[in-house]
Amino acid sequence: MWTSDRGRRRPVEECAADLGEVTLAEEPGGVYMEGERRWPQVYSPGGYHWRPGVGDQVLVLKAGTEREQPCIVGLRQDEDEEMEPGEVAVSSGEGRSAVRLRLGGELALEGDVTVNGVSLITLIENIVIAMLYG
C-alpha cells in the first residue's frame, strides 16, 4: 500500500544546474558549489573564448550520468553596468577594455586599440607621415 512508502527515504537527486564561484582560474581550474569541484569545462558560443577569474560567480551545468562533470556555461552579469535594452558588450573581466554595440549603429571601443600588435595611434601617425612625406 501507499502507506508503506511513507517511511522510506527517497534518494535526493542532485540538481542539473547550480551557481558556483570560481576558485582556480588556471589549470586544472576549480569551482565551488556545495564543495570544490576541479577540472570544470568552460563552454561559450562558437568562436568566443574566455576564462573566468577567481571569485567570478558562474552558472554551472552538471553533465554526466551522475552529474559528475561540472560545465561552466556563463558568468553572472554585473548589475551595476549601465546598458540599454538591446545593447551588446564584450569586456575583459576587470572592465579595462570593452567592445560595445550600441543602438543606432554605434560601435564603441574602450581601452587601448591595437591592429596586428601596433597601437592604433602609431598606425594613424604612420599613415599621416606617409601621406605628408610620400
N, C-alpha and C. Protein backbone atom coordinates (compact mmCIF):
# COMPACT_ATOMS: atom_id res chain seq x y z
N MET A 1 0.82 -1.19 0.00
CA MET A 1 0.00 0.00 0.00
C MET A 1 0.86 1.25 0.00
N TRP A 2 0.22 2.35 -0.29
CA TRP A 2 0.95 3.61 -0.35
C TRP A 2 1.50 4.01 1.00
N THR A 3 0.87 3.59 2.08
CA THR A 3 1.35 3.97 3.41
C THR A 3 2.69 3.31 3.74
N SER A 4 3.00 2.19 3.11
CA SER A 4 4.28 1.53 3.39
C SER A 4 5.46 2.31 2.82
N ASP A 5 5.23 3.18 1.83
CA ASP A 5 6.30 4.01 1.25
C ASP A 5 6.57 5.27 2.07
N ARG A 6 5.70 5.60 2.98
CA ARG A 6 5.83 6.86 3.72
C ARG A 6 7.10 6.92 4.55
N GLY A 7 7.50 5.81 5.12
CA GLY A 7 8.67 5.80 5.98
C GLY A 7 9.99 5.67 5.22
N ARG A 8 9.93 5.36 3.95
CA ARG A 8 11.14 5.18 3.15
C ARG A 8 11.77 6.51 2.79
N ARG A 9 13.08 6.54 2.83
CA ARG A 9 13.79 7.73 2.35
C ARG A 9 14.01 7.60 0.86
N ARG A 10 13.64 8.61 0.16
CA ARG A 10 13.86 8.61 -1.27
C ARG A 10 15.20 9.29 -1.55
N PRO A 11 15.94 8.81 -2.52
CA PRO A 11 17.22 9.43 -2.82
C PRO A 11 17.03 10.88 -3.28
N VAL A 12 17.88 11.74 -2.76
CA VAL A 12 17.83 13.15 -3.15
C VAL A 12 18.66 13.29 -4.41
N GLU A 13 18.03 13.73 -5.47
CA GLU A 13 18.72 13.87 -6.75
C GLU A 13 19.39 15.22 -6.82
N GLU A 14 20.65 15.22 -7.25
CA GLU A 14 21.40 16.46 -7.39
C GLU A 14 20.80 17.27 -8.53
N CYS A 15 20.69 18.59 -8.34
CA CYS A 15 20.11 19.43 -9.37
C CYS A 15 21.03 19.47 -10.59
N ALA A 16 20.45 19.73 -11.75
CA ALA A 16 21.20 19.71 -13.01
C ALA A 16 22.02 20.99 -13.22
N ALA A 17 21.71 22.05 -12.50
CA ALA A 17 22.44 23.31 -12.63
C ALA A 17 22.58 23.93 -11.25
N ASP A 18 23.64 24.73 -11.09
CA ASP A 18 23.87 25.35 -9.80
C ASP A 18 24.67 26.63 -10.03
N LEU A 19 24.67 27.49 -9.04
CA LEU A 19 25.53 28.67 -9.07
C LEU A 19 26.82 28.32 -8.35
N GLY A 20 27.93 28.79 -8.89
CA GLY A 20 29.22 28.49 -8.28
C GLY A 20 30.12 29.70 -8.27
N GLU A 21 31.22 29.59 -7.56
CA GLU A 21 32.23 30.64 -7.53
C GLU A 21 33.56 30.02 -7.94
N VAL A 22 34.23 30.67 -8.89
CA VAL A 22 35.49 30.16 -9.40
C VAL A 22 36.55 30.28 -8.31
N THR A 23 37.25 29.17 -8.05
CA THR A 23 38.30 29.15 -7.02
C THR A 23 39.70 29.08 -7.62
N LEU A 24 39.81 28.52 -8.81
CA LEU A 24 41.09 28.44 -9.52
C LEU A 24 40.85 28.82 -10.97
N ALA A 25 41.59 29.83 -11.46
CA ALA A 25 41.40 30.26 -12.84
C ALA A 25 42.30 29.49 -13.80
N GLU A 26 43.49 29.10 -13.34
CA GLU A 26 44.40 28.37 -14.23
C GLU A 26 44.15 26.87 -14.10
N GLU A 27 44.77 26.09 -15.00
CA GLU A 27 44.58 24.64 -14.97
C GLU A 27 44.97 24.07 -13.62
N PRO A 28 44.24 23.20 -13.00
CA PRO A 28 43.13 22.45 -13.56
C PRO A 28 41.80 23.18 -13.48
N GLY A 29 41.78 24.34 -12.88
CA GLY A 29 40.53 25.07 -12.72
C GLY A 29 39.72 24.50 -11.57
N GLY A 30 38.93 25.35 -10.95
CA GLY A 30 38.10 24.89 -9.85
C GLY A 30 36.90 25.79 -9.68
N VAL A 31 35.80 25.20 -9.24
CA VAL A 31 34.59 25.95 -8.97
C VAL A 31 33.99 25.40 -7.67
N TYR A 32 33.54 26.29 -6.80
CA TYR A 32 32.94 25.90 -5.52
C TYR A 32 31.43 26.04 -5.63
N MET A 33 30.74 24.93 -5.36
CA MET A 33 29.28 24.95 -5.28
C MET A 33 28.92 24.53 -3.87
N GLU A 34 28.67 23.25 -3.66
CA GLU A 34 28.48 22.75 -2.30
C GLU A 34 29.75 22.09 -1.82
N GLY A 35 30.80 22.28 -2.52
CA GLY A 35 32.13 21.75 -2.31
C GLY A 35 32.91 22.11 -3.56
N GLU A 36 34.22 22.04 -3.47
CA GLU A 36 35.00 22.42 -4.65
C GLU A 36 35.06 21.27 -5.65
N ARG A 37 34.88 21.60 -6.91
CA ARG A 37 35.00 20.63 -8.00
C ARG A 37 36.12 21.10 -8.91
N ARG A 38 36.99 20.18 -9.32
CA ARG A 38 38.13 20.50 -10.18
C ARG A 38 37.85 20.11 -11.62
N TRP A 39 38.64 20.65 -12.51
CA TRP A 39 38.60 20.38 -13.95
C TRP A 39 37.24 20.71 -14.57
N PRO A 40 36.63 21.85 -14.22
CA PRO A 40 35.37 22.17 -14.89
C PRO A 40 35.63 22.55 -16.35
N GLN A 41 34.78 22.10 -17.23
CA GLN A 41 34.84 22.50 -18.63
C GLN A 41 34.19 23.88 -18.74
N VAL A 42 34.71 24.74 -19.63
CA VAL A 42 34.13 26.06 -19.85
C VAL A 42 33.57 26.09 -21.26
N TYR A 43 32.29 26.40 -21.40
CA TYR A 43 31.62 26.44 -22.69
C TYR A 43 31.20 27.86 -23.02
N SER A 44 31.28 28.20 -24.31
CA SER A 44 30.87 29.52 -24.77
C SER A 44 30.43 29.41 -26.22
N PRO A 45 29.79 30.45 -26.76
CA PRO A 45 29.38 30.40 -28.17
C PRO A 45 30.59 30.20 -29.08
N GLY A 46 30.36 29.59 -30.23
CA GLY A 46 31.42 29.31 -31.18
C GLY A 46 32.25 30.54 -31.53
N GLY A 47 33.56 30.40 -31.51
CA GLY A 47 34.46 31.48 -31.86
C GLY A 47 34.77 32.43 -30.71
N TYR A 48 34.11 32.27 -29.61
CA TYR A 48 34.28 33.16 -28.46
C TYR A 48 34.99 32.37 -27.37
N HIS A 49 36.07 32.89 -26.85
CA HIS A 49 36.83 32.18 -25.81
C HIS A 49 36.96 33.09 -24.59
N TRP A 50 36.83 32.51 -23.43
CA TRP A 50 37.01 33.27 -22.19
C TRP A 50 37.41 32.32 -21.08
N ARG A 51 38.02 32.88 -20.09
CA ARG A 51 38.40 32.10 -18.91
C ARG A 51 37.91 32.91 -17.70
N PRO A 52 37.00 32.33 -16.93
CA PRO A 52 36.51 33.05 -15.75
C PRO A 52 37.64 33.24 -14.74
N GLY A 53 37.58 34.35 -14.00
CA GLY A 53 38.58 34.66 -12.99
C GLY A 53 38.17 34.20 -11.60
N VAL A 54 39.14 34.12 -10.72
CA VAL A 54 38.87 33.73 -9.33
C VAL A 54 37.86 34.71 -8.73
N GLY A 55 36.86 34.17 -8.08
CA GLY A 55 35.82 34.98 -7.45
C GLY A 55 34.62 35.25 -8.33
N ASP A 56 34.72 34.94 -9.64
CA ASP A 56 33.59 35.15 -10.54
C ASP A 56 32.43 34.23 -10.15
N GLN A 57 31.23 34.77 -10.21
CA GLN A 57 30.02 33.98 -9.98
C GLN A 57 29.61 33.38 -11.32
N VAL A 58 29.48 32.06 -11.41
CA VAL A 58 29.21 31.39 -12.67
C VAL A 58 28.02 30.45 -12.57
N LEU A 59 27.42 30.17 -13.73
CA LEU A 59 26.36 29.18 -13.82
C LEU A 59 27.02 27.87 -14.23
N VAL A 60 26.75 26.82 -13.48
CA VAL A 60 27.38 25.52 -13.70
C VAL A 60 26.31 24.48 -14.02
N LEU A 61 26.42 23.87 -15.20
CA LEU A 61 25.58 22.72 -15.52
C LEU A 61 26.35 21.47 -15.13
N LYS A 62 25.65 20.48 -14.67
CA LYS A 62 26.30 19.24 -14.24
C LYS A 62 25.98 18.15 -15.25
N ALA A 63 27.00 17.75 -16.01
CA ALA A 63 26.83 16.75 -17.06
C ALA A 63 27.25 15.38 -16.54
N GLY A 64 27.00 14.38 -17.35
CA GLY A 64 27.37 13.01 -16.99
C GLY A 64 26.19 12.26 -16.44
N THR A 65 26.30 10.95 -16.43
CA THR A 65 25.19 10.11 -15.97
C THR A 65 24.85 10.34 -14.51
N GLU A 66 25.86 10.73 -13.72
CA GLU A 66 25.63 11.01 -12.31
C GLU A 66 25.92 12.47 -11.98
N ARG A 67 25.88 13.29 -13.02
CA ARG A 67 26.12 14.74 -12.89
C ARG A 67 27.47 15.02 -12.23
N GLU A 68 28.46 14.23 -12.64
CA GLU A 68 29.79 14.33 -12.04
C GLU A 68 30.70 15.33 -12.75
N GLN A 69 30.32 15.81 -13.93
CA GLN A 69 31.18 16.71 -14.69
C GLN A 69 30.63 18.13 -14.68
N PRO A 70 31.25 19.06 -13.91
CA PRO A 70 30.78 20.44 -13.91
C PRO A 70 31.16 21.15 -15.21
N CYS A 71 30.23 21.88 -15.78
CA CYS A 71 30.44 22.62 -17.02
C CYS A 71 30.04 24.08 -16.78
N ILE A 72 30.99 24.99 -16.85
CA ILE A 72 30.70 26.42 -16.66
C ILE A 72 30.16 26.95 -17.98
N VAL A 73 28.96 27.51 -17.94
CA VAL A 73 28.32 27.97 -19.17
C VAL A 73 28.04 29.47 -19.19
N GLY A 74 28.28 30.15 -18.10
CA GLY A 74 28.01 31.57 -18.11
C GLY A 74 28.53 32.28 -16.88
N LEU A 75 28.68 33.56 -17.01
CA LEU A 75 29.17 34.43 -15.96
C LEU A 75 28.04 35.36 -15.55
N ARG A 76 27.88 35.54 -14.25
CA ARG A 76 26.83 36.44 -13.78
C ARG A 76 27.13 37.86 -14.23
N GLN A 77 26.14 38.51 -14.80
CA GLN A 77 26.32 39.89 -15.28
C GLN A 77 26.42 40.86 -14.12
N ASP A 78 27.22 41.88 -14.33
CA ASP A 78 27.38 42.94 -13.34
C ASP A 78 26.14 43.81 -13.37
N GLU A 79 25.41 43.82 -12.28
CA GLU A 79 24.15 44.58 -12.23
C GLU A 79 24.38 46.09 -12.26
N ASP A 80 25.59 46.53 -11.91
CA ASP A 80 25.89 47.96 -11.90
C ASP A 80 26.22 48.50 -13.29
N GLU A 81 26.50 47.61 -14.24
CA GLU A 81 26.87 48.04 -15.58
C GLU A 81 25.66 48.65 -16.28
N GLU A 82 25.84 49.86 -16.77
CA GLU A 82 24.74 50.55 -17.44
C GLU A 82 24.70 50.14 -18.90
N MET A 83 23.61 49.51 -19.29
CA MET A 83 23.41 49.10 -20.67
C MET A 83 21.97 49.38 -21.05
N GLU A 84 21.80 49.76 -22.31
CA GLU A 84 20.47 49.97 -22.84
C GLU A 84 19.90 48.63 -23.31
N PRO A 85 18.58 48.48 -23.29
CA PRO A 85 18.00 47.25 -23.84
C PRO A 85 18.44 47.06 -25.29
N GLY A 86 18.89 45.87 -25.64
CA GLY A 86 19.34 45.59 -27.00
C GLY A 86 20.82 45.83 -27.22
N GLU A 87 21.51 46.47 -26.27
CA GLU A 87 22.94 46.73 -26.39
C GLU A 87 23.72 45.45 -26.10
N VAL A 88 24.86 45.28 -26.78
CA VAL A 88 25.72 44.13 -26.58
C VAL A 88 27.10 44.62 -26.17
N ALA A 89 27.70 43.98 -25.18
CA ALA A 89 29.05 44.37 -24.74
C ALA A 89 29.88 43.13 -24.50
N VAL A 90 31.13 43.19 -24.96
CA VAL A 90 32.12 42.17 -24.65
C VAL A 90 33.23 42.91 -23.93
N SER A 91 33.53 42.49 -22.69
CA SER A 91 34.53 43.22 -21.93
C SER A 91 35.45 42.26 -21.19
N SER A 92 36.62 42.78 -20.82
CA SER A 92 37.52 41.97 -20.01
C SER A 92 36.92 41.85 -18.63
N GLY A 93 37.32 40.82 -17.90
CA GLY A 93 36.75 40.57 -16.59
C GLY A 93 36.95 41.71 -15.62
N GLU A 94 37.98 42.51 -15.82
CA GLU A 94 38.26 43.61 -14.91
C GLU A 94 37.74 44.94 -15.46
N GLY A 95 37.06 44.90 -16.60
CA GLY A 95 36.44 46.10 -17.15
C GLY A 95 37.39 47.13 -17.72
N ARG A 96 38.64 46.74 -17.99
CA ARG A 96 39.60 47.70 -18.53
C ARG A 96 39.44 47.91 -20.02
N SER A 97 38.87 46.96 -20.72
CA SER A 97 38.65 47.11 -22.15
C SER A 97 37.29 46.52 -22.50
N ALA A 98 36.68 47.09 -23.55
CA ALA A 98 35.35 46.62 -23.94
C ALA A 98 35.06 47.00 -25.38
N VAL A 99 34.23 46.18 -26.00
CA VAL A 99 33.65 46.48 -27.30
C VAL A 99 32.16 46.51 -27.07
N ARG A 100 31.54 47.60 -27.47
CA ARG A 100 30.09 47.75 -27.27
C ARG A 100 29.40 48.01 -28.59
N LEU A 101 28.34 47.28 -28.83
CA LEU A 101 27.47 47.53 -29.98
C LEU A 101 26.24 48.22 -29.42
N ARG A 102 26.14 49.50 -29.73
CA ARG A 102 25.04 50.29 -29.18
C ARG A 102 23.94 50.48 -30.21
N LEU A 103 22.77 50.78 -29.72
CA LEU A 103 21.64 51.05 -30.61
C LEU A 103 21.97 52.26 -31.48
N GLY A 104 21.43 52.28 -32.67
CA GLY A 104 21.70 53.39 -33.59
C GLY A 104 22.95 53.17 -34.42
N GLY A 105 23.53 51.97 -34.36
CA GLY A 105 24.67 51.65 -35.21
C GLY A 105 26.02 52.08 -34.67
N GLU A 106 26.13 52.43 -33.39
CA GLU A 106 27.41 52.87 -32.84
C GLU A 106 28.23 51.68 -32.35
N LEU A 107 29.51 51.66 -32.73
CA LEU A 107 30.48 50.70 -32.22
C LEU A 107 31.42 51.48 -31.32
N ALA A 108 31.45 51.15 -30.04
CA ALA A 108 32.28 51.88 -29.08
C ALA A 108 33.39 50.96 -28.58
N LEU A 109 34.63 51.46 -28.61
CA LEU A 109 35.78 50.72 -28.12
C LEU A 109 36.30 51.43 -26.89
N GLU A 110 36.59 50.68 -25.84
CA GLU A 110 37.15 51.23 -24.62
C GLU A 110 38.46 50.52 -24.34
N GLY A 111 39.51 51.28 -24.00
CA GLY A 111 40.82 50.69 -23.73
C GLY A 111 41.77 50.95 -24.89
N ASP A 112 42.94 50.35 -24.84
CA ASP A 112 43.94 50.51 -25.89
C ASP A 112 43.55 49.64 -27.09
N VAL A 113 43.63 50.24 -28.29
CA VAL A 113 43.29 49.52 -29.51
C VAL A 113 44.57 49.24 -30.28
N THR A 114 44.77 47.98 -30.66
CA THR A 114 45.94 47.61 -31.47
C THR A 114 45.47 46.87 -32.71
N VAL A 115 46.25 47.00 -33.79
CA VAL A 115 45.99 46.29 -35.04
C VAL A 115 47.27 45.52 -35.36
N ASN A 116 47.20 44.21 -35.36
CA ASN A 116 48.38 43.36 -35.59
C ASN A 116 49.54 43.75 -34.68
N GLY A 117 49.26 44.04 -33.43
CA GLY A 117 50.30 44.36 -32.45
C GLY A 117 50.76 45.80 -32.46
N VAL A 118 50.24 46.64 -33.35
CA VAL A 118 50.63 48.05 -33.44
C VAL A 118 49.48 48.88 -32.89
N SER A 119 49.81 49.84 -31.99
CA SER A 119 48.75 50.67 -31.43
C SER A 119 48.08 51.48 -32.53
N LEU A 120 46.80 51.75 -32.36
CA LEU A 120 46.04 52.50 -33.35
C LEU A 120 46.63 53.88 -33.55
N ILE A 121 47.10 54.51 -32.48
CA ILE A 121 47.70 55.85 -32.58
C ILE A 121 48.94 55.80 -33.46
N THR A 122 49.82 54.82 -33.25
CA THR A 122 51.02 54.67 -34.06
C THR A 122 50.66 54.39 -35.51
N LEU A 123 49.67 53.58 -35.73
CA LEU A 123 49.23 53.26 -37.08
C LEU A 123 48.74 54.52 -37.80
N ILE A 124 47.95 55.34 -37.14
CA ILE A 124 47.45 56.58 -37.74
C ILE A 124 48.62 57.54 -38.00
N GLU A 125 49.54 57.65 -37.04
CA GLU A 125 50.72 58.50 -37.24
C GLU A 125 51.51 58.08 -38.47
N ASN A 126 51.71 56.78 -38.65
CA ASN A 126 52.44 56.27 -39.81
C ASN A 126 51.73 56.58 -41.12
N ILE A 127 50.41 56.50 -41.12
CA ILE A 127 49.63 56.81 -42.32
C ILE A 127 49.75 58.30 -42.65
N VAL A 128 49.65 59.15 -41.63
CA VAL A 128 49.76 60.61 -41.85
C VAL A 128 51.17 60.96 -42.36
N ILE A 129 52.20 60.39 -41.78
CA ILE A 129 53.57 60.64 -42.22
C ILE A 129 53.76 60.20 -43.66
N ALA A 130 53.23 59.04 -43.99
CA ALA A 130 53.33 58.55 -45.37
C ALA A 130 52.59 59.45 -46.35
N MET A 131 51.47 60.01 -45.93
CA MET A 131 50.72 60.90 -46.80
C MET A 131 51.42 62.24 -46.98
N LEU A 132 52.04 62.74 -45.91
CA LEU A 132 52.70 64.05 -45.97
C LEU A 132 54.04 64.00 -46.68
N TYR A 133 54.79 62.92 -46.43
CA TYR A 133 56.16 62.88 -46.91
C TYR A 133 56.38 61.81 -48.00
N GLY A 134 55.32 61.17 -48.39
CA GLY A 134 55.31 60.26 -49.50
C GLY A 134 56.14 59.09 -49.48
